């Protein structure tokens, strides 16, 4: 069994109110040097067998149709 990680982030041009709230909280809590925060999602997908090209293609297809909204989000797929 292999683990494939899908990281989903808002596209850079999309506003991230949750990230902005976290950045504001950092300042109020005394964390210095924080210029900005972007909030995202991480999915860990366990696949049967090896994480070969076919398995990665299937996870990419799943990310495009289920895990990410391609209009406002980008995603990356990697084997862990």
N, C-alpha and C. Protein backbone atom coordinates (compact mmCIF):
# COMPACT_ATOMS: atom_id res chain seq x y z
N UNK A 1 0.85 -1.18 0.00
CA UNK A 1 0.00 0.00 0.00
C UNK A 1 0.90 1.24 0.00
N UNK A 2 0.53 2.23 -0.77
CA UNK A 2 1.29 3.47 -0.86
C UNK A 2 0.42 4.64 -0.45
N UNK A 3 1.07 5.69 0.01
CA UNK A 3 0.35 6.90 0.40
C UNK A 3 0.68 8.01 -0.59
N UNK A 4 -0.37 8.62 -1.11
CA UNK A 4 -0.23 9.75 -2.03
C UNK A 4 -0.85 10.97 -1.35
N UNK A 5 -0.14 12.07 -1.38
CA UNK A 5 -0.61 13.29 -0.74
C UNK A 5 -1.05 14.28 -1.81
N UNK A 6 -2.23 14.85 -1.59
CA UNK A 6 -2.76 15.90 -2.47
C UNK A 6 -2.87 17.16 -1.63
N UNK A 7 -2.13 18.19 -2.02
CA UNK A 7 -2.21 19.49 -1.37
C UNK A 7 -3.04 20.41 -2.25
N UNK A 8 -4.04 21.06 -1.65
CA UNK A 8 -4.94 21.95 -2.38
C UNK A 8 -4.82 23.34 -1.77
N UNK A 9 -4.57 24.32 -2.64
CA UNK A 9 -4.46 25.71 -2.19
C UNK A 9 -5.29 26.61 -3.10
N UNK A 10 -5.80 27.69 -2.54
CA UNK A 10 -6.46 28.68 -3.36
C UNK A 10 -5.45 29.26 -4.35
N UNK A 11 -5.92 29.58 -5.54
CA UNK A 11 -5.05 30.23 -6.52
C UNK A 11 -4.60 31.58 -5.95
N UNK A 12 -3.41 32.03 -6.34
CA UNK A 12 -2.88 33.28 -5.76
C UNK A 12 -3.80 34.49 -5.91
N UNK A 13 -4.57 34.55 -6.99
CA UNK A 13 -5.42 35.72 -7.22
C UNK A 13 -6.74 35.67 -6.44
N UNK A 14 -7.01 34.57 -5.75
CA UNK A 14 -8.23 34.42 -4.96
C UNK A 14 -7.98 34.89 -3.54
N UNK A 15 -8.85 35.75 -3.03
CA UNK A 15 -8.72 36.22 -1.65
C UNK A 15 -8.88 35.05 -0.68
N UNK A 16 -8.14 35.10 0.42
CA UNK A 16 -8.17 34.03 1.43
C UNK A 16 -8.51 34.65 2.79
N UNK A 17 -9.80 34.84 3.09
CA UNK A 17 -10.17 35.49 4.35
C UNK A 17 -9.71 34.71 5.58
N UNK A 18 -9.72 33.39 5.50
CA UNK A 18 -9.26 32.61 6.66
C UNK A 18 -7.77 32.82 6.87
N UNK A 19 -7.00 32.84 5.81
CA UNK A 19 -5.57 33.11 5.93
C UNK A 19 -5.31 34.50 6.49
N UNK A 20 -6.10 35.48 6.04
CA UNK A 20 -5.96 36.84 6.56
C UNK A 20 -6.27 36.89 8.05
N UNK A 21 -7.29 36.15 8.49
CA UNK A 21 -7.65 36.12 9.91
C UNK A 21 -6.52 35.49 10.73
N UNK A 22 -5.91 34.44 10.21
CA UNK A 22 -4.80 33.79 10.91
C UNK A 22 -3.61 34.74 11.01
N UNK A 23 -3.32 35.44 9.90
CA UNK A 23 -2.21 36.40 9.91
C UNK A 23 -2.45 37.50 10.96
N UNK A 24 -3.69 37.99 11.04
CA UNK A 24 -4.02 39.00 12.05
C UNK A 24 -3.86 38.46 13.46
N UNK A 25 -4.27 37.21 13.66
CA UNK A 25 -4.14 36.60 14.99
C UNK A 25 -2.67 36.42 15.36
N UNK A 26 -1.85 36.10 14.39
CA UNK A 26 -0.41 35.94 14.66
C UNK A 26 0.17 37.23 15.22
N UNK A 27 -0.20 38.34 14.60
CA UNK A 27 0.30 39.63 15.06
C UNK A 27 -0.17 39.92 16.49
N UNK A 28 -1.46 39.67 16.73
CA UNK A 28 -2.00 39.93 18.07
C UNK A 28 -1.39 39.02 19.13
N UNK A 29 -0.97 37.83 18.75
CA UNK A 29 -0.40 36.88 19.70
C UNK A 29 1.11 37.03 19.84
N UNK A 30 1.68 37.99 19.15
CA UNK A 30 3.10 38.29 19.33
C UNK A 30 4.05 37.57 18.40
N UNK A 31 3.53 36.91 17.38
CA UNK A 31 4.41 36.27 16.40
C UNK A 31 4.88 37.36 15.44
N UNK A 32 6.18 37.56 15.36
CA UNK A 32 6.69 38.64 14.52
C UNK A 32 7.22 38.10 13.20
N UNK A 33 7.28 38.98 12.23
CA UNK A 33 7.84 38.61 10.94
C UNK A 33 6.91 37.84 10.03
N UNK A 34 5.64 37.69 10.40
CA UNK A 34 4.67 36.99 9.56
C UNK A 34 4.10 37.99 8.57
N UNK A 35 4.38 37.79 7.28
CA UNK A 35 3.91 38.73 6.26
C UNK A 35 2.57 38.33 5.67
N UNK A 36 2.24 37.06 5.75
CA UNK A 36 0.96 36.60 5.21
C UNK A 36 0.79 35.12 5.45
N UNK A 37 -0.45 34.68 5.39
CA UNK A 37 -0.79 33.26 5.58
C UNK A 37 -1.81 32.89 4.52
N UNK A 38 -1.64 31.74 3.90
CA UNK A 38 -2.62 31.16 2.98
C UNK A 38 -3.04 29.82 3.57
N UNK A 39 -4.31 29.58 3.68
CA UNK A 39 -4.85 28.36 4.25
C UNK A 39 -5.19 27.40 3.13
N UNK A 40 -4.90 26.11 3.33
CA UNK A 40 -5.20 25.11 2.31
C UNK A 40 -5.68 23.81 2.92
N UNK A 41 -5.71 22.78 2.09
CA UNK A 41 -6.17 21.45 2.52
C UNK A 41 -5.13 20.41 2.12
N UNK A 42 -5.00 19.37 2.92
CA UNK A 42 -4.11 18.25 2.62
C UNK A 42 -4.93 16.97 2.71
N UNK A 43 -4.82 16.16 1.68
CA UNK A 43 -5.49 14.86 1.66
C UNK A 43 -4.43 13.78 1.55
N UNK A 44 -4.54 12.75 2.36
CA UNK A 44 -3.67 11.59 2.28
C UNK A 44 -4.50 10.44 1.74
N UNK A 45 -4.11 9.93 0.57
CA UNK A 45 -4.86 8.89 -0.11
C UNK A 45 -4.02 7.62 -0.12
N UNK A 46 -4.54 6.56 0.45
CA UNK A 46 -3.84 5.28 0.42
C UNK A 46 -4.32 4.49 -0.79
N UNK A 47 -3.38 4.06 -1.61
CA UNK A 47 -3.70 3.31 -2.82
C UNK A 47 -3.17 1.90 -2.68
N UNK A 48 -3.88 0.96 -3.31
CA UNK A 48 -3.43 -0.43 -3.29
C UNK A 48 -2.18 -0.56 -4.15
N UNK A 49 -1.26 -1.36 -3.71
CA UNK A 49 -0.05 -1.62 -4.49
C UNK A 49 0.88 -0.42 -4.52
N UNK A 50 1.65 -0.35 -5.60
CA UNK A 50 2.63 0.71 -5.77
C UNK A 50 1.96 2.00 -6.26
N UNK A 51 2.61 3.11 -5.97
CA UNK A 51 2.14 4.40 -6.48
C UNK A 51 2.78 4.62 -7.85
N UNK A 52 2.37 3.81 -8.81
CA UNK A 52 2.91 3.90 -10.17
C UNK A 52 2.19 5.01 -10.94
N UNK A 53 2.55 5.17 -12.21
CA UNK A 53 1.96 6.23 -13.02
C UNK A 53 0.43 6.11 -13.11
N UNK A 54 -0.08 4.89 -13.21
CA UNK A 54 -1.53 4.70 -13.32
C UNK A 54 -2.23 5.12 -12.03
N UNK A 55 -1.65 4.76 -10.88
CA UNK A 55 -2.24 5.13 -9.59
C UNK A 55 -2.22 6.65 -9.41
N UNK A 56 -1.10 7.27 -9.77
CA UNK A 56 -1.00 8.73 -9.64
C UNK A 56 -1.97 9.44 -10.58
N UNK A 57 -2.16 8.90 -11.77
CA UNK A 57 -3.13 9.49 -12.70
C UNK A 57 -4.54 9.40 -12.13
N UNK A 58 -4.84 8.29 -11.47
CA UNK A 58 -6.17 8.13 -10.86
C UNK A 58 -6.38 9.13 -9.73
N UNK A 59 -5.35 9.32 -8.90
CA UNK A 59 -5.46 10.29 -7.81
C UNK A 59 -5.57 11.70 -8.38
N UNK A 60 -4.83 12.03 -9.44
CA UNK A 60 -4.95 13.35 -10.08
C UNK A 60 -6.38 13.56 -10.59
N UNK A 61 -6.94 12.53 -11.20
CA UNK A 61 -8.32 12.64 -11.70
C UNK A 61 -9.29 12.87 -10.54
N UNK A 62 -9.05 12.17 -9.42
CA UNK A 62 -9.88 12.35 -8.22
C UNK A 62 -9.74 13.77 -7.70
N UNK A 63 -8.51 14.29 -7.69
CA UNK A 63 -8.29 15.66 -7.20
C UNK A 63 -9.00 16.68 -8.08
N UNK A 64 -8.94 16.48 -9.40
CA UNK A 64 -9.58 17.42 -10.34
C UNK A 64 -11.09 17.43 -10.22
N UNK A 65 -11.69 16.28 -9.89
CA UNK A 65 -13.15 16.19 -9.90
C UNK A 65 -13.79 16.23 -8.52
N UNK A 66 -13.02 15.92 -7.47
CA UNK A 66 -13.62 15.78 -6.15
C UNK A 66 -12.94 16.63 -5.08
N UNK A 67 -11.62 16.62 -5.03
CA UNK A 67 -10.90 17.25 -3.91
C UNK A 67 -10.68 18.75 -4.09
N UNK A 68 -10.54 19.20 -5.32
CA UNK A 68 -10.26 20.61 -5.58
C UNK A 68 -11.29 21.19 -6.52
N UNK A 69 -11.51 22.48 -6.37
CA UNK A 69 -12.35 23.22 -7.31
C UNK A 69 -11.37 23.91 -8.27
N UNK A 70 -11.20 23.38 -9.48
CA UNK A 70 -10.17 23.91 -10.38
C UNK A 70 -10.39 25.36 -10.81
N UNK A 71 -11.55 25.91 -10.56
CA UNK A 71 -11.81 27.30 -10.90
C UNK A 71 -11.05 28.22 -9.95
N UNK A 72 -11.01 27.86 -8.67
CA UNK A 72 -10.39 28.74 -7.68
C UNK A 72 -9.21 28.11 -6.94
N UNK A 73 -8.93 26.82 -7.17
CA UNK A 73 -7.88 26.14 -6.43
C UNK A 73 -6.89 25.45 -7.36
N UNK A 74 -5.63 25.39 -6.92
CA UNK A 74 -4.59 24.60 -7.54
C UNK A 74 -4.31 23.41 -6.63
N UNK A 75 -3.75 22.34 -7.20
CA UNK A 75 -3.39 21.21 -6.36
C UNK A 75 -2.10 20.58 -6.87
N UNK A 76 -1.45 19.87 -5.96
CA UNK A 76 -0.26 19.11 -6.32
C UNK A 76 -0.43 17.71 -5.76
N UNK A 77 0.17 16.74 -6.45
CA UNK A 77 0.09 15.33 -6.05
C UNK A 77 1.52 14.82 -5.88
N UNK A 78 1.78 14.14 -4.77
CA UNK A 78 3.11 13.58 -4.54
C UNK A 78 3.00 12.30 -3.73
N UNK A 79 3.97 11.45 -3.90
CA UNK A 79 4.04 10.21 -3.13
C UNK A 79 4.79 10.50 -1.85
N UNK A 80 4.26 10.03 -0.75
CA UNK A 80 4.93 10.23 0.54
C UNK A 80 5.62 8.96 0.96
